[in-house]
mmCIF file of all heavy atoms, coordinates in Angstrom:
data_MODEL
# 
_entry.id   MODEL 
# 
loop_
_atom_site.group_PDB 
_atom_site.id 
_atom_site.type_symbol 
_atom_site.label_atom_id 
_atom_site.label_alt_id 
_atom_site.label_comp_id 
_atom_site.label_asym_id 
_atom_site.label_entity_id 
_atom_site.label_seq_id 
_atom_site.pdbx_PDB_ins_code 
_atom_site.Cartn_x 
_atom_site.Cartn_y 
_atom_site.Cartn_z 
_atom_site.occupancy 
_atom_site.B_iso_or_equiv 
_atom_site.pdbx_formal_charge 
_atom_site.auth_seq_id 
_atom_site.auth_comp_id 
_atom_site.auth_asym_id 
_atom_site.auth_atom_id 
_atom_site.pdbx_PDB_model_num 
ATOM 1   N N   . ALA A 1 1  ? -78.087  31.440 -9.989  1.00 0.00 ? 1  ALA A N   1 
ATOM 2   C CA  . ALA A 1 1  ? -77.996  30.106 -10.464 1.00 0.00 ? 1  ALA A CA  1 
ATOM 3   C C   . ALA A 1 1  ? -78.936  29.187 -9.853  1.00 0.00 ? 1  ALA A C   1 
ATOM 4   O O   . ALA A 1 1  ? -79.644  28.337 -10.468 1.00 0.00 ? 1  ALA A O   1 
ATOM 5   C CB  . ALA A 1 1  ? -76.609  29.619 -10.286 1.00 0.00 ? 1  ALA A CB  1 
ATOM 6   N N   . LYS A 1 2  ? -79.138  29.370 -8.558  1.00 0.00 ? 2  LYS A N   1 
ATOM 7   C CA  . LYS A 1 2  ? -80.072  28.586 -7.729  1.00 0.00 ? 2  LYS A CA  1 
ATOM 8   C C   . LYS A 1 2  ? -81.491  28.812 -8.108  1.00 0.00 ? 2  LYS A C   1 
ATOM 9   O O   . LYS A 1 2  ? -82.303  27.870 -8.195  1.00 0.00 ? 2  LYS A O   1 
ATOM 10  C CB  . LYS A 1 2  ? -79.782  28.626 -6.283  1.00 0.00 ? 2  LYS A CB  1 
ATOM 11  C CG  . LYS A 1 2  ? -80.442  27.611 -5.427  1.00 0.00 ? 2  LYS A CG  1 
ATOM 12  C CD  . LYS A 1 2  ? -79.796  26.196 -5.698  1.00 0.00 ? 2  LYS A CD  1 
ATOM 13  C CE  . LYS A 1 2  ? -80.656  24.989 -5.213  1.00 0.00 ? 2  LYS A CE  1 
ATOM 14  N NZ  . LYS A 1 2  ? -79.830  23.698 -5.459  1.00 0.00 ? 2  LYS A NZ  1 
ATOM 15  N N   . ILE A 1 3  ? -81.856  30.126 -8.196  1.00 0.00 ? 3  ILE A N   1 
ATOM 16  C CA  . ILE A 1 3  ? -83.226  30.433 -8.642  1.00 0.00 ? 3  ILE A CA  1 
ATOM 17  C C   . ILE A 1 3  ? -83.422  29.783 -10.065 1.00 0.00 ? 3  ILE A C   1 
ATOM 18  O O   . ILE A 1 3  ? -84.585  29.154 -10.231 1.00 0.00 ? 3  ILE A O   1 
ATOM 19  C CB  . ILE A 1 3  ? -83.246  31.990 -8.744  1.00 0.00 ? 3  ILE A CB  1 
ATOM 20  C CG1 . ILE A 1 3  ? -83.257  32.615 -7.431  1.00 0.00 ? 3  ILE A CG1 1 
ATOM 21  C CG2 . ILE A 1 3  ? -84.671  32.375 -9.516  1.00 0.00 ? 3  ILE A CG2 1 
ATOM 22  C CD1 . ILE A 1 3  ? -83.177  34.089 -7.381  1.00 0.00 ? 3  ILE A CD1 1 
ATOM 23  N N   . LYS A 1 4  ? -82.589  29.854 -10.948 1.00 0.00 ? 4  LYS A N   1 
ATOM 24  C CA  . LYS A 1 4  ? -82.736  29.274 -12.291 1.00 0.00 ? 4  LYS A CA  1 
ATOM 25  C C   . LYS A 1 4  ? -82.908  27.717 -12.142 1.00 0.00 ? 4  LYS A C   1 
ATOM 26  O O   . LYS A 1 4  ? -83.710  27.195 -12.873 1.00 0.00 ? 4  LYS A O   1 
ATOM 27  C CB  . LYS A 1 4  ? -81.656  29.537 -13.175 1.00 0.00 ? 4  LYS A CB  1 
ATOM 28  C CG  . LYS A 1 4  ? -81.753  29.009 -14.616 1.00 0.00 ? 4  LYS A CG  1 
ATOM 29  C CD  . LYS A 1 4  ? -80.848  29.495 -15.606 1.00 0.00 ? 4  LYS A CD  1 
ATOM 30  C CE  . LYS A 1 4  ? -81.060  28.983 -17.004 1.00 0.00 ? 4  LYS A CE  1 
ATOM 31  N NZ  . LYS A 1 4  ? -82.391  29.403 -17.484 1.00 0.00 ? 4  LYS A NZ  1 
ATOM 32  N N   . GLU A 1 5  ? -82.129  27.052 -11.214 1.00 0.00 ? 5  GLU A N   1 
ATOM 33  C CA  . GLU A 1 5  ? -82.204  25.569 -11.141 1.00 0.00 ? 5  GLU A CA  1 
ATOM 34  C C   . GLU A 1 5  ? -83.586  25.274 -10.554 1.00 0.00 ? 5  GLU A C   1 
ATOM 35  O O   . GLU A 1 5  ? -84.281  24.366 -10.989 1.00 0.00 ? 5  GLU A O   1 
ATOM 36  C CB  . GLU A 1 5  ? -81.110  25.155 -10.129 1.00 0.00 ? 5  GLU A CB  1 
ATOM 37  C CG  . GLU A 1 5  ? -81.277  23.614 -9.918  1.00 0.00 ? 5  GLU A CG  1 
ATOM 38  C CD  . GLU A 1 5  ? -80.288  23.224 -8.978  1.00 0.00 ? 5  GLU A CD  1 
ATOM 39  O OE1 . GLU A 1 5  ? -79.492  23.878 -8.312  1.00 0.00 ? 5  GLU A OE1 1 
ATOM 40  O OE2 . GLU A 1 5  ? -80.279  21.952 -8.646  1.00 0.00 ? 5  GLU A OE2 1 
ATOM 41  N N   . ILE A 1 6  ? -84.137  26.063 -9.521  1.00 0.00 ? 6  ILE A N   1 
ATOM 42  C CA  . ILE A 1 6  ? -85.389  25.748 -8.991  1.00 0.00 ? 6  ILE A CA  1 
ATOM 43  C C   . ILE A 1 6  ? -86.563  26.007 -9.935  1.00 0.00 ? 6  ILE A C   1 
ATOM 44  O O   . ILE A 1 6  ? -87.496  25.248 -10.146 1.00 0.00 ? 6  ILE A O   1 
ATOM 45  C CB  . ILE A 1 6  ? -85.575  26.496 -7.694  1.00 0.00 ? 6  ILE A CB  1 
ATOM 46  C CG1 . ILE A 1 6  ? -84.656  26.076 -6.607  1.00 0.00 ? 6  ILE A CG1 1 
ATOM 47  C CG2 . ILE A 1 6  ? -87.079  26.365 -7.266  1.00 0.00 ? 6  ILE A CG2 1 
ATOM 48  C CD1 . ILE A 1 6  ? -84.630  26.904 -5.301  1.00 0.00 ? 6  ILE A CD1 1 
ATOM 49  N N   . ALA A 1 7  ? -86.363  27.179 -10.632 1.00 0.00 ? 7  ALA A N   1 
ATOM 50  C CA  . ALA A 1 7  ? -87.458  27.549 -11.562 1.00 0.00 ? 7  ALA A CA  1 
ATOM 51  C C   . ALA A 1 7  ? -87.530  26.919 -12.937 1.00 0.00 ? 7  ALA A C   1 
ATOM 52  O O   . ALA A 1 7  ? -88.727  26.677 -13.463 1.00 0.00 ? 7  ALA A O   1 
ATOM 53  C CB  . ALA A 1 7  ? -87.560  29.022 -11.644 1.00 0.00 ? 7  ALA A CB  1 
ATOM 54  N N   . ASP A 1 8  ? -86.367  26.540 -13.338 1.00 0.00 ? 8  ASP A N   1 
ATOM 55  C CA  . ASP A 1 8  ? -86.210  26.123 -14.793 1.00 0.00 ? 8  ASP A CA  1 
ATOM 56  C C   . ASP A 1 8  ? -85.575  24.709 -14.926 1.00 0.00 ? 8  ASP A C   1 
ATOM 57  O O   . ASP A 1 8  ? -86.313  23.817 -15.278 1.00 0.00 ? 8  ASP A O   1 
ATOM 58  C CB  . ASP A 1 8  ? -85.361  27.081 -15.611 1.00 0.00 ? 8  ASP A CB  1 
ATOM 59  C CG  . ASP A 1 8  ? -86.151  28.336 -16.149 1.00 0.00 ? 8  ASP A CG  1 
ATOM 60  O OD1 . ASP A 1 8  ? -87.357  28.302 -16.064 1.00 0.00 ? 8  ASP A OD1 1 
ATOM 61  O OD2 . ASP A 1 8  ? -85.496  29.176 -16.603 1.00 0.00 ? 8  ASP A OD2 1 
ATOM 62  N N   . THR A 1 9  ? -84.384  24.625 -14.665 1.00 0.00 ? 9  THR A N   1 
ATOM 63  C CA  . THR A 1 9  ? -83.610  23.452 -15.084 1.00 0.00 ? 9  THR A CA  1 
ATOM 64  C C   . THR A 1 9  ? -83.760  22.255 -14.276 1.00 0.00 ? 9  THR A C   1 
ATOM 65  O O   . THR A 1 9  ? -83.565  21.103 -14.744 1.00 0.00 ? 9  THR A O   1 
ATOM 66  C CB  . THR A 1 9  ? -82.049  23.823 -15.075 1.00 0.00 ? 9  THR A CB  1 
ATOM 67  O OG1 . THR A 1 9  ? -81.681  24.115 -13.796 1.00 0.00 ? 9  THR A OG1 1 
ATOM 68  C CG2 . THR A 1 9  ? -81.843  24.940 -16.085 1.00 0.00 ? 9  THR A CG2 1 
ATOM 69  N N   . ASN A 1 10 ? -84.236  22.396 -13.089 1.00 0.00 ? 10 ASN A N   1 
ATOM 70  C CA  . ASN A 1 10 ? -84.360  21.066 -12.227 1.00 0.00 ? 10 ASN A CA  1 
ATOM 71  C C   . ASN A 1 10 ? -85.700  21.306 -11.351 1.00 0.00 ? 10 ASN A C   1 
ATOM 72  O O   . ASN A 1 10 ? -85.810  20.842 -10.256 1.00 0.00 ? 10 ASN A O   1 
ATOM 73  C CB  . ASN A 1 10 ? -83.231  21.065 -11.190 1.00 0.00 ? 10 ASN A CB  1 
ATOM 74  C CG  . ASN A 1 10 ? -82.999  19.653 -10.614 1.00 0.00 ? 10 ASN A CG  1 
ATOM 75  O OD1 . ASN A 1 10 ? -83.657  18.765 -11.095 1.00 0.00 ? 10 ASN A OD1 1 
ATOM 76  N ND2 . ASN A 1 10 ? -82.290  19.630 -9.632  1.00 0.00 ? 10 ASN A ND2 1 
ATOM 77  N N   . ARG A 1 11 ? -86.722  21.772 -12.013 1.00 0.00 ? 11 ARG A N   1 
ATOM 78  C CA  . ARG A 1 11 ? -87.989  22.073 -11.371 1.00 0.00 ? 11 ARG A CA  1 
ATOM 79  C C   . ARG A 1 11 ? -88.615  20.745 -10.793 1.00 0.00 ? 11 ARG A C   1 
ATOM 80  O O   . ARG A 1 11 ? -89.223  20.689 -9.824  1.00 0.00 ? 11 ARG A O   1 
ATOM 81  C CB  . ARG A 1 11 ? -88.940  22.818 -12.250 1.00 0.00 ? 11 ARG A CB  1 
ATOM 82  C CG  . ARG A 1 11 ? -90.137  23.435 -11.474 1.00 0.00 ? 11 ARG A CG  1 
ATOM 83  C CD  . ARG A 1 11 ? -90.634  24.543 -12.235 1.00 0.00 ? 11 ARG A CD  1 
ATOM 84  N NE  . ARG A 1 11 ? -91.804  25.116 -11.545 1.00 0.00 ? 11 ARG A NE  1 
ATOM 85  C CZ  . ARG A 1 11 ? -92.414  26.303 -11.953 1.00 0.00 ? 11 ARG A CZ  1 
ATOM 86  N NH1 . ARG A 1 11 ? -91.991  26.924 -13.126 1.00 0.00 ? 11 ARG A NH1 1 
ATOM 87  N NH2 . ARG A 1 11 ? -93.370  26.870 -11.246 1.00 0.00 ? 11 ARG A NH2 1 
ATOM 88  N N   . GLY A 1 12 ? -88.428  19.623 -11.498 1.00 0.00 ? 12 GLY A N   1 
ATOM 89  C CA  . GLY A 1 12 ? -88.988  18.354 -11.023 1.00 0.00 ? 12 GLY A CA  1 
ATOM 90  C C   . GLY A 1 12 ? -88.511  17.920 -9.691  1.00 0.00 ? 12 GLY A C   1 
ATOM 91  O O   . GLY A 1 12 ? -89.151  17.351 -8.890  1.00 0.00 ? 12 GLY A O   1 
ATOM 92  N N   . ASN A 1 13 ? -87.246  18.394 -9.350  1.00 0.00 ? 13 ASN A N   1 
ATOM 93  C CA  . ASN A 1 13 ? -86.660  18.049 -8.096  1.00 0.00 ? 13 ASN A CA  1 
ATOM 94  C C   . ASN A 1 13 ? -86.865  19.164 -6.968  1.00 0.00 ? 13 ASN A C   1 
ATOM 95  O O   . ASN A 1 13 ? -86.538  18.902 -5.862  1.00 0.00 ? 13 ASN A O   1 
ATOM 96  C CB  . ASN A 1 13 ? -85.206  17.784 -8.161  1.00 0.00 ? 13 ASN A CB  1 
ATOM 97  C CG  . ASN A 1 13 ? -84.980  16.411 -8.869  1.00 0.00 ? 13 ASN A CG  1 
ATOM 98  O OD1 . ASN A 1 13 ? -85.723  15.490 -8.647  1.00 0.00 ? 13 ASN A OD1 1 
ATOM 99  N ND2 . ASN A 1 13 ? -83.800  16.324 -9.603  1.00 0.00 ? 13 ASN A ND2 1 
ATOM 100 N N   . TYR A 1 14 ? -87.417  20.346 -7.439  1.00 0.00 ? 14 TYR A N   1 
ATOM 101 C CA  . TYR A 1 14 ? -87.803  21.347 -6.549  1.00 0.00 ? 14 TYR A CA  1 
ATOM 102 C C   . TYR A 1 14 ? -89.216  21.840 -6.687  1.00 0.00 ? 14 TYR A C   1 
ATOM 103 O O   . TYR A 1 14 ? -89.449  22.884 -7.285  1.00 0.00 ? 14 TYR A O   1 
ATOM 104 C CB  . TYR A 1 14 ? -86.796  22.510 -6.692  1.00 0.00 ? 14 TYR A CB  1 
ATOM 105 C CG  . TYR A 1 14 ? -85.450  22.242 -6.246  1.00 0.00 ? 14 TYR A CG  1 
ATOM 106 C CD1 . TYR A 1 14 ? -84.428  21.711 -7.086  1.00 0.00 ? 14 TYR A CD1 1 
ATOM 107 C CD2 . TYR A 1 14 ? -84.949  22.510 -4.895  1.00 0.00 ? 14 TYR A CD2 1 
ATOM 108 C CE1 . TYR A 1 14 ? -83.134  21.548 -6.722  1.00 0.00 ? 14 TYR A CE1 1 
ATOM 109 C CE2 . TYR A 1 14 ? -83.713  22.338 -4.472  1.00 0.00 ? 14 TYR A CE2 1 
ATOM 110 C CZ  . TYR A 1 14 ? -82.773  21.840 -5.408  1.00 0.00 ? 14 TYR A CZ  1 
ATOM 111 O OH  . TYR A 1 14 ? -81.392  21.566 -4.986  1.00 0.00 ? 14 TYR A OH  1 
ATOM 112 N N   . PRO A 1 15 ? -90.227  20.984 -6.421  1.00 0.00 ? 15 PRO A N   1 
ATOM 113 C CA  . PRO A 1 15 ? -91.560  21.491 -6.550  1.00 0.00 ? 15 PRO A CA  1 
ATOM 114 C C   . PRO A 1 15 ? -91.846  22.840 -5.762  1.00 0.00 ? 15 PRO A C   1 
ATOM 115 O O   . PRO A 1 15 ? -91.430  22.904 -4.595  1.00 0.00 ? 15 PRO A O   1 
ATOM 116 C CB  . PRO A 1 15 ? -92.445  20.247 -5.984  1.00 0.00 ? 15 PRO A CB  1 
ATOM 117 C CG  . PRO A 1 15 ? -91.461  19.592 -5.156  1.00 0.00 ? 15 PRO A CG  1 
ATOM 118 C CD  . PRO A 1 15 ? -90.183  19.739 -5.675  1.00 0.00 ? 15 PRO A CD  1 
ATOM 119 N N   . ILE A 1 16 ? -92.592  23.714 -6.320  1.00 0.00 ? 16 ILE A N   1 
ATOM 120 C CA  . ILE A 1 16 ? -92.936  24.946 -5.726  1.00 0.00 ? 16 ILE A CA  1 
ATOM 121 C C   . ILE A 1 16 ? -94.484  25.183 -5.766  1.00 0.00 ? 16 ILE A C   1 
ATOM 122 O O   . ILE A 1 16 ? -95.137  24.361 -6.346  1.00 0.00 ? 16 ILE A O   1 
ATOM 123 C CB  . ILE A 1 16 ? -92.215  26.202 -6.344  1.00 0.00 ? 16 ILE A CB  1 
ATOM 124 C CG1 . ILE A 1 16 ? -92.563  26.226 -7.853  1.00 0.00 ? 16 ILE A CG1 1 
ATOM 125 C CG2 . ILE A 1 16 ? -90.726  26.068 -6.076  1.00 0.00 ? 16 ILE A CG2 1 
ATOM 126 C CD1 . ILE A 1 16 ? -91.980  27.454 -8.553  1.00 0.00 ? 16 ILE A CD1 1 
ATOM 127 N N   . MET A 1 17 ? -94.933  26.273 -5.090  1.00 0.00 ? 17 MET A N   1 
ATOM 128 C CA  . MET A 1 17 ? -96.233  26.485 -5.071  1.00 0.00 ? 17 MET A CA  1 
ATOM 129 C C   . MET A 1 17 ? -96.773  26.915 -6.504  1.00 0.00 ? 17 MET A C   1 
ATOM 130 O O   . MET A 1 17 ? -96.068  27.687 -7.269  1.00 0.00 ? 17 MET A O   1 
ATOM 131 C CB  . MET A 1 17 ? -96.665  27.680 -4.226  1.00 0.00 ? 17 MET A CB  1 
ATOM 132 C CG  . MET A 1 17 ? -96.434  27.525 -2.654  1.00 0.00 ? 17 MET A CG  1 
ATOM 133 S SD  . MET A 1 17 ? -96.770  29.046 -1.777  1.00 0.00 ? 17 MET A SD  1 
ATOM 134 C CE  . MET A 1 17 ? -96.355  28.514 -0.112  1.00 0.00 ? 17 MET A CE  1 
ATOM 135 N N   . GLU A 1 18 ? -97.918  26.364 -6.931  1.00 0.00 ? 18 GLU A N   1 
ATOM 136 C CA  . GLU A 1 18 ? -98.411  26.519 -8.255  1.00 0.00 ? 18 GLU A CA  1 
ATOM 137 C C   . GLU A 1 18 ? -99.877  27.056 -8.304  1.00 0.00 ? 18 GLU A C   1 
ATOM 138 O O   . GLU A 1 18 ? -100.291 27.678 -9.274  1.00 0.00 ? 18 GLU A O   1 
ATOM 139 C CB  . GLU A 1 18 ? -98.361  25.303 -9.043  1.00 0.00 ? 18 GLU A CB  1 
ATOM 140 C CG  . GLU A 1 18 ? -96.859  24.872 -9.388  1.00 0.00 ? 18 GLU A CG  1 
ATOM 141 C CD  . GLU A 1 18 ? -96.726  23.630 -10.230 1.00 0.00 ? 18 GLU A CD  1 
ATOM 142 O OE1 . GLU A 1 18 ? -97.844  23.089 -10.553 1.00 0.00 ? 18 GLU A OE1 1 
ATOM 143 O OE2 . GLU A 1 18 ? -95.634  23.303 -10.619 1.00 0.00 ? 18 GLU A OE2 1 
ATOM 144 N N   . ASP A 1 19 ? -100.536 26.841 -7.188  1.00 0.00 ? 19 ASP A N   1 
ATOM 145 C CA  . ASP A 1 19 ? -102.024 27.399 -7.110  1.00 0.00 ? 19 ASP A CA  1 
ATOM 146 C C   . ASP A 1 19 ? -102.297 27.577 -5.635  1.00 0.00 ? 19 ASP A C   1 
ATOM 147 O O   . ASP A 1 19 ? -101.403 27.332 -4.703  1.00 0.00 ? 19 ASP A O   1 
ATOM 148 C CB  . ASP A 1 19 ? -102.920 26.456 -7.809  1.00 0.00 ? 19 ASP A CB  1 
ATOM 149 C CG  . ASP A 1 19 ? -102.938 25.105 -7.121  1.00 0.00 ? 19 ASP A CG  1 
ATOM 150 O OD1 . ASP A 1 19 ? -103.131 24.895 -5.936  1.00 0.00 ? 19 ASP A OD1 1 
ATOM 151 O OD2 . ASP A 1 19 ? -102.839 24.100 -7.903  1.00 0.00 ? 19 ASP A OD2 1 
ATOM 152 N N   . ASN A 1 20 ? -103.365 28.143 -5.344  1.00 0.00 ? 20 ASN A N   1 
ATOM 153 C CA  . ASN A 1 20 ? -103.682 28.549 -3.979  1.00 0.00 ? 20 ASN A CA  1 
ATOM 154 C C   . ASN A 1 20 ? -103.946 27.303 -3.059  1.00 0.00 ? 20 ASN A C   1 
ATOM 155 O O   . ASN A 1 20 ? -104.055 27.546 -1.756  1.00 0.00 ? 20 ASN A O   1 
ATOM 156 C CB  . ASN A 1 20 ? -104.953 29.478 -3.884  1.00 0.00 ? 20 ASN A CB  1 
ATOM 157 C CG  . ASN A 1 20 ? -104.594 30.905 -4.219  1.00 0.00 ? 20 ASN A CG  1 
ATOM 158 O OD1 . ASN A 1 20 ? -103.587 31.501 -3.780  1.00 0.00 ? 20 ASN A OD1 1 
ATOM 159 N ND2 . ASN A 1 20 ? -105.399 31.563 -5.090  1.00 0.00 ? 20 ASN A ND2 1 
ATOM 160 N N   . THR A 1 21 ? -104.151 26.173 -3.509  1.00 0.00 ? 21 THR A N   1 
ATOM 161 C CA  . THR A 1 21 ? -104.114 24.954 -2.664  1.00 0.00 ? 21 THR A CA  1 
ATOM 162 C C   . THR A 1 21 ? -102.780 24.674 -2.073  1.00 0.00 ? 21 THR A C   1 
ATOM 163 O O   . THR A 1 21 ? -102.700 23.996 -1.024  1.00 0.00 ? 21 THR A O   1 
ATOM 164 C CB  . THR A 1 21 ? -104.585 23.701 -3.302  1.00 0.00 ? 21 THR A CB  1 
ATOM 165 O OG1 . THR A 1 21 ? -103.515 23.340 -4.380  1.00 0.00 ? 21 THR A OG1 1 
ATOM 166 C CG2 . THR A 1 21 ? -105.932 23.882 -4.108  1.00 0.00 ? 21 THR A CG2 1 
ATOM 167 N N   . HIS A 1 22 ? -101.734 25.398 -2.559  1.00 0.00 ? 22 HIS A N   1 
ATOM 168 C CA  . HIS A 1 22 ? -100.451 25.241 -2.033  1.00 0.00 ? 22 HIS A CA  1 
ATOM 169 C C   . HIS A 1 22 ? -99.995  26.306 -1.054  1.00 0.00 ? 22 HIS A C   1 
ATOM 170 O O   . HIS A 1 22 ? -98.968  26.265 -0.457  1.00 0.00 ? 22 HIS A O   1 
ATOM 171 C CB  . HIS A 1 22 ? -99.310  25.168 -3.208  1.00 0.00 ? 22 HIS A CB  1 
ATOM 172 C CG  . HIS A 1 22 ? -99.474  24.042 -4.148  1.00 0.00 ? 22 HIS A CG  1 
ATOM 173 N ND1 . HIS A 1 22 ? -99.288  24.229 -5.450  1.00 0.00 ? 22 HIS A ND1 1 
ATOM 174 C CD2 . HIS A 1 22 ? -100.199 22.838 -4.029  1.00 0.00 ? 22 HIS A CD2 1 
ATOM 175 C CE1 . HIS A 1 22 ? -99.587  23.097 -6.255  1.00 0.00 ? 22 HIS A CE1 1 
ATOM 176 N NE2 . HIS A 1 22 ? -100.106 22.415 -5.277  1.00 0.00 ? 22 HIS A NE2 1 
ATOM 177 N N   . THR A 1 23 ? -100.887 27.313 -0.958  1.00 0.00 ? 23 THR A N   1 
ATOM 178 C CA  . THR A 1 23 ? -100.503 28.471 -0.111  1.00 0.00 ? 23 THR A CA  1 
ATOM 179 C C   . THR A 1 23 ? -100.387 27.964 1.352   1.00 0.00 ? 23 THR A C   1 
ATOM 180 O O   . THR A 1 23 ? -101.221 27.228 1.813   1.00 0.00 ? 23 THR A O   1 
ATOM 181 C CB  . THR A 1 23 ? -101.648 29.561 -0.159  1.00 0.00 ? 23 THR A CB  1 
ATOM 182 O OG1 . THR A 1 23 ? -101.537 30.203 -1.444  1.00 0.00 ? 23 THR A OG1 1 
ATOM 183 C CG2 . THR A 1 23 ? -101.553 30.508 1.047   1.00 0.00 ? 23 THR A CG2 1 
ATOM 184 N N   . ALA A 1 24 ? -99.252  28.447 1.877   1.00 0.00 ? 24 ALA A N   1 
ATOM 185 C CA  . ALA A 1 24 ? -99.174  28.134 3.481   1.00 0.00 ? 24 ALA A CA  1 
ATOM 186 C C   . ALA A 1 24 ? -99.860  29.016 4.281   1.00 0.00 ? 24 ALA A C   1 
ATOM 187 O O   . ALA A 1 24 ? -99.567  30.324 4.349   1.00 0.00 ? 24 ALA A O   1 
ATOM 188 C CB  . ALA A 1 24 ? -97.672  28.179 3.816   1.00 0.00 ? 24 ALA A CB  1 
ATOM 189 N N   . LYS A 1 25 ? -100.929 28.520 5.040   1.00 0.00 ? 25 LYS A N   1 
ATOM 190 C CA  . LYS A 1 25 ? -101.727 29.342 5.810   1.00 0.00 ? 25 LYS A CA  1 
ATOM 191 C C   . LYS A 1 25 ? -102.343 28.408 6.973   1.00 0.00 ? 25 LYS A C   1 
ATOM 192 O O   . LYS A 1 25 ? -102.412 27.260 6.841   1.00 0.00 ? 25 LYS A O   1 
ATOM 193 C CB  . LYS A 1 25 ? -102.981 29.981 5.032   1.00 0.00 ? 25 LYS A CB  1 
ATOM 194 C CG  . LYS A 1 25 ? -103.912 28.978 4.547   1.00 0.00 ? 25 LYS A CG  1 
ATOM 195 C CD  . LYS A 1 25 ? -105.184 29.639 3.700   1.00 0.00 ? 25 LYS A CD  1 
ATOM 196 C CE  . LYS A 1 25 ? -106.127 28.616 3.382   1.00 0.00 ? 25 LYS A CE  1 
ATOM 197 N NZ  . LYS A 1 25 ? -105.654 27.562 2.439   1.00 0.00 ? 25 LYS A NZ  1 
ATOM 198 N N   . ILE A 1 26 ? -102.794 29.056 7.960   1.00 0.00 ? 26 ILE A N   1 
ATOM 199 C CA  . ILE A 1 26 ? -103.582 28.491 9.041   1.00 0.00 ? 26 ILE A CA  1 
ATOM 200 C C   . ILE A 1 26 ? -104.976 29.092 8.869   1.00 0.00 ? 26 ILE A C   1 
ATOM 201 O O   . ILE A 1 26 ? -105.169 30.146 8.951   1.00 0.00 ? 26 ILE A O   1 
ATOM 202 C CB  . ILE A 1 26 ? -103.084 28.633 10.359  1.00 0.00 ? 26 ILE A CB  1 
ATOM 203 C CG1 . ILE A 1 26 ? -101.828 27.973 10.664  1.00 0.00 ? 26 ILE A CG1 1 
ATOM 204 C CG2 . ILE A 1 26 ? -104.113 28.198 11.486  1.00 0.00 ? 26 ILE A CG2 1 
ATOM 205 C CD1 . ILE A 1 26 ? -101.101 28.235 11.981  1.00 0.00 ? 26 ILE A CD1 1 
# 
């Protein structure tokens, strides 16, 4: 249910990585 909330139903409140500028790296 939480995966669905983050990915679908409430994505505006749970922004996630969408391209490589968001990749976490040093």
